[in-house]
């Protein structure tokens, strides 16, 4: 595939994709990027020492599309370290203005980047995110939609994170240098908190243009009890809150999660907007 010429020098996107033993699913993720109607991007796949065919598949796709770049780690470092390495590469490239995230088991609908970048430029937004669908990776059935607030401040983010990593794009010039805290889970949540301290607020772009594939082996999988523990550790270790404050915001996250599933989804269904088709 030949890389198309950029129409605007300040619109190029660097995409962060960590991968670990993603051989069965990463091609779907990368092809959803390759098929974007917005073509001005580079994607950095950081392989966290996979033992399956992940590297082989990424190399094959990189031959088809020169915008795909593979970075191989020599030992297991985890998703946070993998994402940080890709972020560093993008920060070092002055031609790249925006940083986007997509895990190797998720995918985008074709107008995701086009819609989001146009929205950010029009509204002068430094941090944007969106609603997304949740898909059963085994059956391929989309069965749930996560609904995000239209606007997100730092305090609102602490109360509850409805922002999916696969939907986020931020302006690296406005945000400046950031590093993801080295946490086994919820490290993306910690990063959003860091960013929102800098840019004050983020905004939701229109449409539902990303699909989260839920699978037992994904980076973000895990039981709900474990996620409560990881939320607490994130607030203690990354946000530096005392135990009482960390416990409070962990509790508000649980309430926010229930509200999203029970209330927001019901309202959407009543409006007749619960169309989960591609």
C-alpha atoms as a PDB file:
ATOM      1  CA  UNK A   1       0.000   0.000   0.000  1.00  0.00           C
ATOM      2  CA  UNK A   2       1.363   3.412  -0.942  1.00  0.00           C
ATOM      3  CA  UNK A   3       1.276   6.094   1.699  1.00  0.00           C
ATOM      4  CA  UNK A   4      -0.860   9.051   0.638  1.00  0.00           C
ATOM      5  CA  UNK A   5       0.461  12.587   0.810  1.00  0.00           C
ATOM      6  CA  UNK A   6      -0.476  14.675   3.806  1.00  0.00           C
ATOM      7  CA  UNK A   7      -2.954  17.488   3.195  1.00  0.00           C
ATOM      8  CA  UNK A   8      -1.976  19.391   6.348  1.00  0.00           C
ATOM      9  CA  UNK A   9       1.368  19.232   8.114  1.00  0.00           C
ATOM     10  CA  UNK A  10      -0.209  19.656  11.551  1.00  0.00           C
ATOM     11  CA  UNK A  11      -2.643  16.755  11.308  1.00  0.00           C
ATOM     12  CA  UNK A  12      -0.472  13.626  11.375  1.00  0.00           C
ATOM     13  CA  UNK A  13      -1.308  10.946  13.929  1.00  0.00           C
ATOM     14  CA  UNK A  14       0.984   8.533  15.740  1.00  0.00           C
ATOM     15  CA  UNK A  15      -0.852   5.394  16.891  1.00  0.00           C
ATOM     16  CA  UNK A  16       0.250   3.419  19.962  1.00  0.00           C
ATOM     17  CA  UNK A  17      -0.398  -0.334  19.844  1.00  0.00           C
ATOM     18  CA  UNK A  18       1.064  -2.658  22.523  1.00  0.00           C
ATOM     19  CA  UNK A  19       0.926  -6.368  21.696  1.00  0.00           C
ATOM     20  CA  UNK A  20       1.561  -9.613  23.519  1.00  0.00           C
ATOM     21  CA  UNK A  21       0.751 -13.022  22.024  1.00  0.00           C
ATOM     22  CA  UNK A  22      -1.834 -11.381  19.792  1.00  0.00           C
ATOM     23  CA  UNK A  23      -1.279 -13.571  16.751  1.00  0.00           C
ATOM     24  CA  UNK A  24      -4.924 -14.587  16.410  1.00  0.00           C
ATOM     25  CA  UNK A  25      -6.342 -11.060  16.595  1.00  0.00           C
ATOM     26  CA  UNK A  26      -3.784  -8.380  15.738  1.00  0.00           C
ATOM     27  CA  UNK A  27      -4.327  -8.531  11.978  1.00  0.00           C
ATOM     28  CA  UNK A  28      -7.967  -7.482  12.454  1.00  0.00           C
ATOM     29  CA  UNK A  29      -6.852  -4.527  14.581  1.00  0.00           C
ATOM     30  CA  UNK A  30      -4.181  -3.387  12.139  1.00  0.00           C
ATOM     31  CA  UNK A  31      -6.400  -3.762   9.093  1.00  0.00           C
ATOM     32  CA  UNK A  32      -9.002  -1.570  10.777  1.00  0.00           C
ATOM     33  CA  UNK A  33      -6.247   1.067  10.987  1.00  0.00           C
ATOM     34  CA  UNK A  34      -4.994   0.473   7.448  1.00  0.00           C
ATOM     35  CA  UNK A  35      -8.547   0.892   6.164  1.00  0.00           C
ATOM     36  CA  UNK A  36      -9.127   4.285   7.781  1.00  0.00           C
ATOM     37  CA  UNK A  37     -10.567   6.990   5.544  1.00  0.00           C
ATOM     38  CA  UNK A  38      -8.020   9.268   7.239  1.00  0.00           C
ATOM     39  CA  UNK A  39      -4.643   8.175   5.894  1.00  0.00           C
ATOM     40  CA  UNK A  40      -2.140  10.520   7.537  1.00  0.00           C
ATOM     41  CA  UNK A  41      -0.818   8.337  10.341  1.00  0.00           C
ATOM     42  CA  UNK A  42       2.008   6.080  11.498  1.00  0.00           C
ATOM     43  CA  UNK A  43       1.288   3.099  13.761  1.00  0.00           C
ATOM     44  CA  UNK A  44       3.880   1.823  16.241  1.00  0.00           C
ATOM     45  CA  UNK A  45       3.354  -1.784  17.307  1.00  0.00           C
ATOM     46  CA  UNK A  46       5.403  -2.605  20.398  1.00  0.00           C
ATOM     47  CA  UNK A  47       5.679  -6.355  20.843  1.00  0.00           C
ATOM     48  CA  UNK A  48       6.183  -7.307  24.485  1.00  0.00           C
ATOM     49  CA  UNK A  49       8.278 -10.427  23.793  1.00  0.00           C
ATOM     50  CA  UNK A  50       5.490 -12.549  22.272  1.00  0.00           C
ATOM     51  CA  UNK A  51       6.007 -16.279  21.876  1.00  0.00           C
ATOM     52  CA  UNK A  52       3.400 -16.817  19.153  1.00  0.00           C
ATOM     53  CA  UNK A  53       3.125 -15.494  15.568  1.00  0.00           C
ATOM     54  CA  UNK A  54       2.477 -11.860  16.503  1.00  0.00           C
ATOM     55  CA  UNK A  55       5.795 -10.562  15.153  1.00  0.00           C
ATOM     56  CA  UNK A  56       5.488 -12.591  11.959  1.00  0.00           C
ATOM     57  CA  UNK A  57       2.024 -11.167  11.253  1.00  0.00           C
ATOM     58  CA  UNK A  58       3.051  -7.573  11.974  1.00  0.00           C
ATOM     59  CA  UNK A  59       6.092  -7.915   9.694  1.00  0.00           C
ATOM     60  CA  UNK A  60       3.855  -9.257   6.932  1.00  0.00           C
ATOM     61  CA  UNK A  61       1.462  -6.304   7.233  1.00  0.00           C
ATOM     62  CA  UNK A  62       4.362  -3.836   7.459  1.00  0.00           C
ATOM     63  CA  UNK A  63       5.468  -5.002   4.015  1.00  0.00           C
ATOM     64  CA  UNK A  64       1.992  -4.127   2.716  1.00  0.00           C
ATOM     65  CA  UNK A  65       1.850  -0.763   4.466  1.00  0.00           C
ATOM     66  CA  UNK A  66       4.961   1.306   5.246  1.00  0.00           C
ATOM     67  CA  UNK A  67       3.043   3.234   7.927  1.00  0.00           C
ATOM     68  CA  UNK A  68       3.294   0.201  10.235  1.00  0.00           C
ATOM     69  CA  UNK A  69       6.421   0.098  12.408  1.00  0.00           C
ATOM     70  CA  UNK A  70       7.371  -2.838  14.647  1.00  0.00           C
ATOM     71  CA  UNK A  71       9.319  -2.375  17.873  1.00  0.00           C
ATOM     72  CA  UNK A  72      10.385  -5.619  19.573  1.00  0.00           C
ATOM     73  CA  UNK A  73      11.162  -5.876  23.272  1.00  0.00           C
ATOM     74  CA  UNK A  74      13.687  -8.486  24.358  1.00  0.00           C
ATOM     75  CA  UNK A  75      11.881  -9.280  27.613  1.00  0.00           C
ATOM     76  CA  UNK A  76       8.409  -8.946  29.132  1.00  0.00           C
ATOM     77  CA  UNK A  77       7.833  -5.399  30.385  1.00  0.00           C
ATOM     78  CA  UNK A  78       4.054  -5.048  30.403  1.00  0.00           C
ATOM     79  CA  UNK A  79       1.543  -2.843  28.593  1.00  0.00           C
ATOM     80  CA  UNK A  80       2.565   0.402  30.334  1.00  0.00           C
ATOM     81  CA  UNK A  81       6.211   0.085  29.269  1.00  0.00           C
ATOM     82  CA  UNK A  82       5.193  -0.884  25.734  1.00  0.00           C
ATOM     83  CA  UNK A  83       2.904   2.119  25.419  1.00  0.00           C
ATOM     84  CA  UNK A  84       5.554   4.442  26.849  1.00  0.00           C
ATOM     85  CA  UNK A  85       8.091   3.308  24.276  1.00  0.00           C
ATOM     86  CA  UNK A  86       5.661   4.049  21.427  1.00  0.00           C
ATOM     87  CA  UNK A  87       4.748   7.416  22.963  1.00  0.00           C
ATOM     88  CA  UNK A  88       8.440   8.313  23.154  1.00  0.00           C
ATOM     89  CA  UNK A  89       8.946   7.492  19.473  1.00  0.00           C
ATOM     90  CA  UNK A  90       5.981   9.669  18.525  1.00  0.00           C
ATOM     91  CA  UNK A  91       7.093  12.537  20.772  1.00  0.00           C
ATOM     92  CA  UNK A  92      10.494  12.476  19.074  1.00  0.00           C
ATOM     93  CA  UNK A  93       8.960  12.827  15.605  1.00  0.00           C
ATOM     94  CA  UNK A  94       8.127  16.522  14.960  1.00  0.00           C
ATOM     95  CA  UNK A  95       5.923  15.607  11.993  1.00  0.00           C
ATOM     96  CA  UNK A  96       3.435  13.817  14.263  1.00  0.00           C
ATOM     97  CA  UNK A  97       0.989  16.059  16.123  1.00  0.00           C
ATOM     98  CA  UNK A  98      -1.597  13.697  17.624  1.00  0.00           C
ATOM     99  CA  UNK A  99      -1.219  10.510  19.673  1.00  0.00           C
ATOM    100  CA  UNK A 100      -3.903   7.816  19.434  1.00  0.00           C
ATOM    101  CA  UNK A 101      -4.275   4.459  21.186  1.00  0.00           C
ATOM    102  CA  UNK A 102      -5.503   1.085  19.962  1.00  0.00           C
ATOM    103  CA  UNK A 103      -4.830  -2.235  21.656  1.00  0.00           C
ATOM    104  CA  UNK A 104      -4.100  -5.254  19.503  1.00  0.00           C
ATOM    105  CA  UNK A 105      -7.461  -6.889  20.278  1.00  0.00           C
ATOM    106  CA  UNK A 106      -9.655  -3.892  19.416  1.00  0.00           C
ATOM    107  CA  UNK A 107     -10.579  -2.157  16.168  1.00  0.00           C
ATOM    108  CA  UNK A 108     -11.875   1.070  14.637  1.00  0.00           C
ATOM    109  CA  UNK A 109     -14.641   1.790  12.181  1.00  0.00           C
ATOM    110  CA  UNK A 110     -13.346   3.385   8.992  1.00  0.00           C
ATOM    111  CA  UNK A 111     -14.150   7.044   9.768  1.00  0.00           C
ATOM    112  CA  UNK A 112     -12.863   7.038  13.349  1.00  0.00           C
ATOM    113  CA  UNK A 113      -9.704   9.078  12.848  1.00  0.00           C
ATOM    114  CA  UNK A 114     -11.243  11.396  10.245  1.00  0.00           C
ATOM    115  CA  UNK A 115     -14.194  12.245  12.492  1.00  0.00           C
ATOM    116  CA  UNK A 116     -12.048  12.671  15.593  1.00  0.00           C
ATOM    117  CA  UNK A 117      -9.284  14.808  14.121  1.00  0.00           C
ATOM    118  CA  UNK A 118     -11.778  17.081  12.361  1.00  0.00           C
ATOM    119  CA  UNK A 119     -13.675  17.448  15.648  1.00  0.00           C
ATOM    120  CA  UNK A 120     -10.510  18.284  17.576  1.00  0.00           C
ATOM    121  CA  UNK A 121      -9.347  20.878  15.066  1.00  0.00           C
ATOM    122  CA  UNK A 122     -12.758  22.527  14.718  1.00  0.00           C
ATOM    123  CA  UNK A 123     -13.321  22.737  18.488  1.00  0.00           C
ATOM    124  CA  UNK A 124      -9.667  23.335  19.477  1.00  0.00           C
ATOM    125  CA  UNK A 125      -9.697  20.256  21.715  1.00  0.00           C
ATOM    126  CA  UNK A 126      -6.438  18.833  23.104  1.00  0.00           C
ATOM    127  CA  UNK A 127      -7.898  15.595  24.534  1.00  0.00           C
ATOM    128  CA  UNK A 128     -10.804  13.712  22.973  1.00  0.00           C
ATOM    129  CA  UNK A 129     -12.513  10.355  23.411  1.00  0.00           C
ATOM    130  CA  UNK A 130     -15.753   8.659  22.379  1.00  0.00           C
ATOM    131  CA  UNK A 131     -18.448   6.095  23.023  1.00  0.00           C
ATOM    132  CA  UNK A 132     -17.584   2.556  21.977  1.00  0.00           C
ATOM    133  CA  UNK A 133     -19.182  -0.828  21.441  1.00  0.00           C
ATOM    134  CA  UNK A 134     -18.210  -3.999  23.302  1.00  0.00           C
ATOM    135  CA  UNK A 135     -18.004  -7.175  21.246  1.00  0.00           C
ATOM    136  CA  UNK A 136     -17.797 -10.828  22.254  1.00  0.00           C
ATOM    137  CA  UNK A 137     -14.619 -11.843  20.455  1.00  0.00           C
ATOM    138  CA  UNK A 138     -15.735 -15.492  20.252  1.00  0.00           C
ATOM    139  CA  UNK A 139     -19.190 -14.952  18.746  1.00  0.00           C
ATOM    140  CA  UNK A 140     -18.558 -11.593  17.099  1.00  0.00           C
ATOM    141  CA  UNK A 141     -21.752 -10.205  18.645  1.00  0.00           C
ATOM    142  CA  UNK A 142     -21.786  -6.593  19.833  1.00  0.00           C
ATOM    143  CA  UNK A 143     -23.781  -6.665  23.048  1.00  0.00           C
ATOM    144  CA  UNK A 144     -23.069  -3.443  24.936  1.00  0.00           C
ATOM    145  CA  UNK A 145     -22.205   0.201  24.396  1.00  0.00           C
ATOM    146  CA  UNK A 146     -20.149   2.319  26.800  1.00  0.00           C
ATOM    147  CA  UNK A 147     -21.442   5.883  27.027  1.00  0.00           C
ATOM    148  CA  UNK A 148     -19.070   8.702  27.978  1.00  0.00           C
ATOM    149  CA  UNK A 149     -19.828  12.176  29.345  1.00  0.00           C
ATOM    150  CA  UNK A 150     -19.798  14.944  26.723  1.00  0.00           C
ATOM    151  CA  UNK A 151     -17.077  16.763  28.682  1.00  0.00           C
ATOM    152  CA  UNK A 152     -14.450  15.391  31.057  1.00  0.00           C
ATOM    153  CA  UNK A 153     -12.533  17.332  33.696  1.00  0.00           C
ATOM    154  CA  UNK A 154      -9.832  15.988  35.994  1.00  0.00           C
ATOM    155  CA  UNK A 155     -12.278  15.742  38.907  1.00  0.00           C
ATOM    156  CA  UNK A 156     -14.913  14.045  36.733  1.00  0.00           C
ATOM    157  CA  UNK A 157     -12.286  11.546  35.609  1.00  0.00           C
ATOM    158  CA  UNK A 158     -11.471  10.736  39.235  1.00  0.00           C
ATOM    159  CA  UNK A 159     -15.137  10.061  39.978  1.00  0.00           C
ATOM    160  CA  UNK A 160     -15.358   7.495  37.205  1.00  0.00           C
ATOM    161  CA  UNK A 161     -13.458   6.576  34.072  1.00  0.00           C
ATOM    162  CA  UNK A 162     -15.829   5.880  31.186  1.00  0.00           C
ATOM    163  CA  UNK A 163     -13.091   6.642  28.672  1.00  0.00           C
ATOM    164  CA  UNK A 164     -11.886   3.675  26.638  1.00  0.00           C
ATOM    165  CA  UNK A 165      -8.232   3.631  25.636  1.00  0.00           C
ATOM    166  CA  UNK A 166      -9.191   2.647  22.084  1.00  0.00           C
ATOM    167  CA  UNK A 167     -11.051   5.970  21.624  1.00  0.00           C
ATOM    168  CA  UNK A 168      -8.483   8.474  22.929  1.00  0.00           C
ATOM    169  CA  UNK A 169      -6.511  10.958  20.856  1.00  0.00           C
ATOM    170  CA  UNK A 170      -4.550  13.843  22.345  1.00  0.00           C
ATOM    171  CA  UNK A 171      -2.555  16.748  20.961  1.00  0.00           C
ATOM    172  CA  UNK A 172       1.045  16.113  21.983  1.00  0.00           C
ATOM    173  CA  UNK A 173       2.022  19.775  21.525  1.00  0.00           C
ATOM    174  CA  UNK A 174      -0.686  20.969  23.919  1.00  0.00           C
ATOM    175  CA  UNK A 175      -0.132  18.185  26.450  1.00  0.00           C
ATOM    176  CA  UNK A 176       3.653  17.973  26.373  1.00  0.00           C
ATOM    177  CA  UNK A 177       5.718  15.016  27.529  1.00  0.00           C
ATOM    178  CA  UNK A 178       3.866  12.328  29.512  1.00  0.00           C
ATOM    179  CA  UNK A 179       4.679   8.844  30.743  1.00  0.00           C
ATOM    180  CA  UNK A 180       2.230   6.141  31.724  1.00  0.00           C
ATOM    181  CA  UNK A 181       2.673   4.985  35.336  1.00  0.00           C
ATOM    182  CA  UNK A 182       4.025   1.434  35.521  1.00  0.00           C
ATOM    183  CA  UNK A 183       0.857  -0.266  36.759  1.00  0.00           C
ATOM    184  CA  UNK A 184      -0.266  -3.776  35.710  1.00  0.00           C
ATOM    185  CA  UNK A 185      -3.803  -2.500  34.996  1.00  0.00           C
ATOM    186  CA  UNK A 186      -5.591   0.861  34.767  1.00  0.00           C
ATOM    187  CA  UNK A 187      -2.379   2.516  33.625  1.00  0.00           C
ATOM    188  CA  UNK A 188      -4.355   4.183  30.831  1.00  0.00           C
ATOM    189  CA  UNK A 189      -6.749   5.640  33.435  1.00  0.00           C
ATOM    190  CA  UNK A 190      -3.744   7.040  35.296  1.00  0.00           C
ATOM    191  CA  UNK A 191      -2.509   8.660  32.070  1.00  0.00           C
ATOM    192  CA  UNK A 192      -5.857  10.366  31.438  1.00  0.00           C
ATOM    193  CA  UNK A 193      -5.632  11.859  34.934  1.00  0.00           C
ATOM    194  CA  UNK A 194      -2.143  13.191  34.183  1.00  0.00           C
ATOM    195  CA  UNK A 195      -3.292  14.714  30.886  1.00  0.00           C
ATOM    196  CA  UNK A 196      -6.417  16.316  32.347  1.00  0.00           C
ATOM    197  CA  UNK A 197      -4.322  18.016  35.010  1.00  0.00           C
ATOM    198  CA  UNK A 198      -2.563  19.768  32.129  1.00  0.00           C
ATOM    199  CA  UNK A 199      -5.363  20.581  29.674  1.00  0.00           C
ATOM    200  CA  UNK A 200      -8.251  21.107  32.128  1.00  0.00           C
ATOM    201  CA  UNK A 201     -10.882  19.235  30.151  1.00  0.00           C
ATOM    202  CA  UNK A 202     -11.512  16.832  27.279  1.00  0.00           C
ATOM    203  CA  UNK A 203     -14.468  16.453  24.937  1.00  0.00           C
ATOM    204  CA  UNK A 204     -16.352  13.583  23.322  1.00  0.00           C
ATOM    205  CA  UNK A 205     -16.295  13.324  19.536  1.00  0.00           C
ATOM    206  CA  UNK A 206     -19.542  12.345  17.752  1.00  0.00           C
ATOM    207  CA  UNK A 207     -20.482   8.808  16.760  1.00  0.00           C
ATOM    208  CA  UNK A 208     -19.609   5.305  17.942  1.00  0.00           C
ATOM    209  CA  UNK A 209     -16.505   4.483  15.942  1.00  0.00           C
ATOM    210  CA  UNK A 210     -14.504   1.998  18.028  1.00  0.00           C
ATOM    211  CA  UNK A 211     -15.109  -1.624  19.003  1.00  0.00           C
ATOM    212  CA  UNK A 212     -13.682  -3.214  22.133  1.00  0.00           C
ATOM    213  CA  UNK A 213     -13.235  -6.972  21.683  1.00  0.00           C
ATOM    214  CA  UNK A 214     -13.582  -8.654  25.038  1.00  0.00           C
ATOM    215  CA  UNK A 215     -11.475 -11.790  25.362  1.00  0.00           C
ATOM    216  CA  UNK A 216     -10.024 -13.792  28.284  1.00  0.00           C
ATOM    217  CA  UNK A 217      -6.423 -13.142  27.213  1.00  0.00           C
ATOM    218  CA  UNK A 218      -6.593  -9.435  26.465  1.00  0.00           C
ATOM    219  CA  UNK A 219      -4.454  -6.834  28.223  1.00  0.00           C
ATOM    220  CA  UNK A 220      -7.457  -5.270  29.906  1.00  0.00           C
ATOM    221  CA  UNK A 221      -9.301  -8.452  30.895  1.00  0.00           C
ATOM    222  CA  UNK A 222      -9.826  -9.512  34.467  1.00  0.00           C
ATOM    223  CA  UNK A 223     -12.465 -10.107  37.118  1.00  0.00           C
ATOM    224  CA  UNK A 224     -14.404  -7.193  38.546  1.00  0.00           C
ATOM    225  CA  UNK A 225     -13.030  -7.826  42.057  1.00  0.00           C
ATOM    226  CA  UNK A 226      -9.505  -7.522  40.700  1.00  0.00           C
ATOM    227  CA  UNK A 227     -10.411  -4.298  38.898  1.00  0.00           C
ATOM    228  CA  UNK A 228     -11.593  -2.770  42.186  1.00  0.00           C
ATOM    229  CA  UNK A 229      -8.192  -3.573  43.646  1.00  0.00           C
ATOM    230  CA  UNK A 230      -6.394  -2.085  40.644  1.00  0.00           C
ATOM    231  CA  UNK A 231      -8.512   1.089  40.825  1.00  0.00           C
ATOM    232  CA  UNK A 232      -7.492   1.519  44.452  1.00  0.00           C
ATOM    233  CA  UNK A 233      -3.808   0.900  43.706  1.00  0.00           C
ATOM    234  CA  UNK A 234      -3.948   3.368  40.821  1.00  0.00           C
ATOM    235  CA  UNK A 235      -5.309   6.125  43.056  1.00  0.00           C
ATOM    236  CA  UNK A 236      -2.740   5.322  45.755  1.00  0.00           C
ATOM    237  CA  UNK A 237       0.352   4.855  43.588  1.00  0.00           C
ATOM    238  CA  UNK A 238      -0.272   7.102  40.556  1.00  0.00           C
ATOM    239  CA  UNK A 239      -2.488   9.849  41.987  1.00  0.00           C
ATOM    240  CA  UNK A 240      -0.726   9.747  45.379  1.00  0.00           C
ATOM    241  CA  UNK A 241      -3.983   9.845  47.348  1.00  0.00           C
ATOM    242  CA  UNK A 242      -4.169   8.744  50.978  1.00  0.00           C
ATOM    243  CA  UNK A 243      -6.120   5.523  51.727  1.00  0.00           C
ATOM    244  CA  UNK A 244      -9.352   7.350  52.569  1.00  0.00           C
ATOM    245  CA  UNK A 245      -9.397   9.440  49.373  1.00  0.00           C
ATOM    246  CA  UNK A 246      -8.313   6.459  47.261  1.00  0.00           C
ATOM    247  CA  UNK A 247     -11.143   4.388  48.742  1.00  0.00           C
ATOM    248  CA  UNK A 248     -13.649   7.167  48.049  1.00  0.00           C
ATOM    249  CA  UNK A 249     -12.746   7.461  44.380  1.00  0.00           C
ATOM    250  CA  UNK A 250     -12.674   3.664  44.013  1.00  0.00           C
ATOM    251  CA  UNK A 251     -16.253   3.599  45.337  1.00  0.00           C
ATOM    252  CA  UNK A 252     -17.371   6.377  42.975  1.00  0.00           C
ATOM    253  CA  UNK A 253     -15.904   4.402  40.067  1.00  0.00           C
ATOM    254  CA  UNK A 254     -18.070   1.418  40.994  1.00  0.00           C
ATOM    255  CA  UNK A 255     -21.179   3.638  41.101  1.00  0.00           C
ATOM    256  CA  UNK A 256     -20.215   5.222  37.775  1.00  0.00           C
ATOM    257  CA  UNK A 257     -19.779   1.775  36.192  1.00  0.00           C
ATOM    258  CA  UNK A 258     -23.223   0.640  37.379  1.00  0.00           C
ATOM    259  CA  UNK A 259     -24.797   3.890  36.155  1.00  0.00           C
ATOM    260  CA  UNK A 260     -23.225   3.450  32.736  1.00  0.00           C
ATOM    261  CA  UNK A 261     -24.444  -0.111  32.333  1.00  0.00           C
ATOM    262  CA  UNK A 262     -27.894   0.207  33.913  1.00  0.00           C
ATOM    263  CA  UNK A 263     -28.971   3.822  33.305  1.00  0.00           C
ATOM    264  CA  UNK A 264     -27.130   5.123  30.236  1.00  0.00           C
ATOM    265  CA  UNK A 265     -27.701   1.979  28.203  1.00  0.00           C
ATOM    266  CA  UNK A 266     -31.398   1.939  29.102  1.00  0.00           C
ATOM    267  CA  UNK A 267     -31.829   5.591  28.086  1.00  0.00           C
ATOM    268  CA  UNK A 268     -30.105   4.922  24.792  1.00  0.00           C
ATOM    269  CA  UNK A 269     -32.348   1.940  24.100  1.00  0.00           C
ATOM    270  CA  UNK A 270     -35.480   3.979  24.843  1.00  0.00           C
ATOM    271  CA  UNK A 271     -34.342   6.622  22.354  1.00  0.00           C
ATOM    272  CA  UNK A 272     -34.050   3.957  19.688  1.00  0.00           C
ATOM    273  CA  UNK A 273     -30.326   4.545  19.310  1.00  0.00           C
ATOM    274  CA  UNK A 274     -29.184   1.094  20.327  1.00  0.00           C
ATOM    275  CA  UNK A 275     -27.992   0.140  16.881  1.00  0.00           C
ATOM    276  CA  UNK A 276     -24.856  -1.940  17.283  1.00  0.00           C
ATOM    277  CA  UNK A 277     -24.347  -2.681  13.629  1.00  0.00           C
ATOM    278  CA  UNK A 278     -21.067  -2.138  11.803  1.00  0.00           C
END
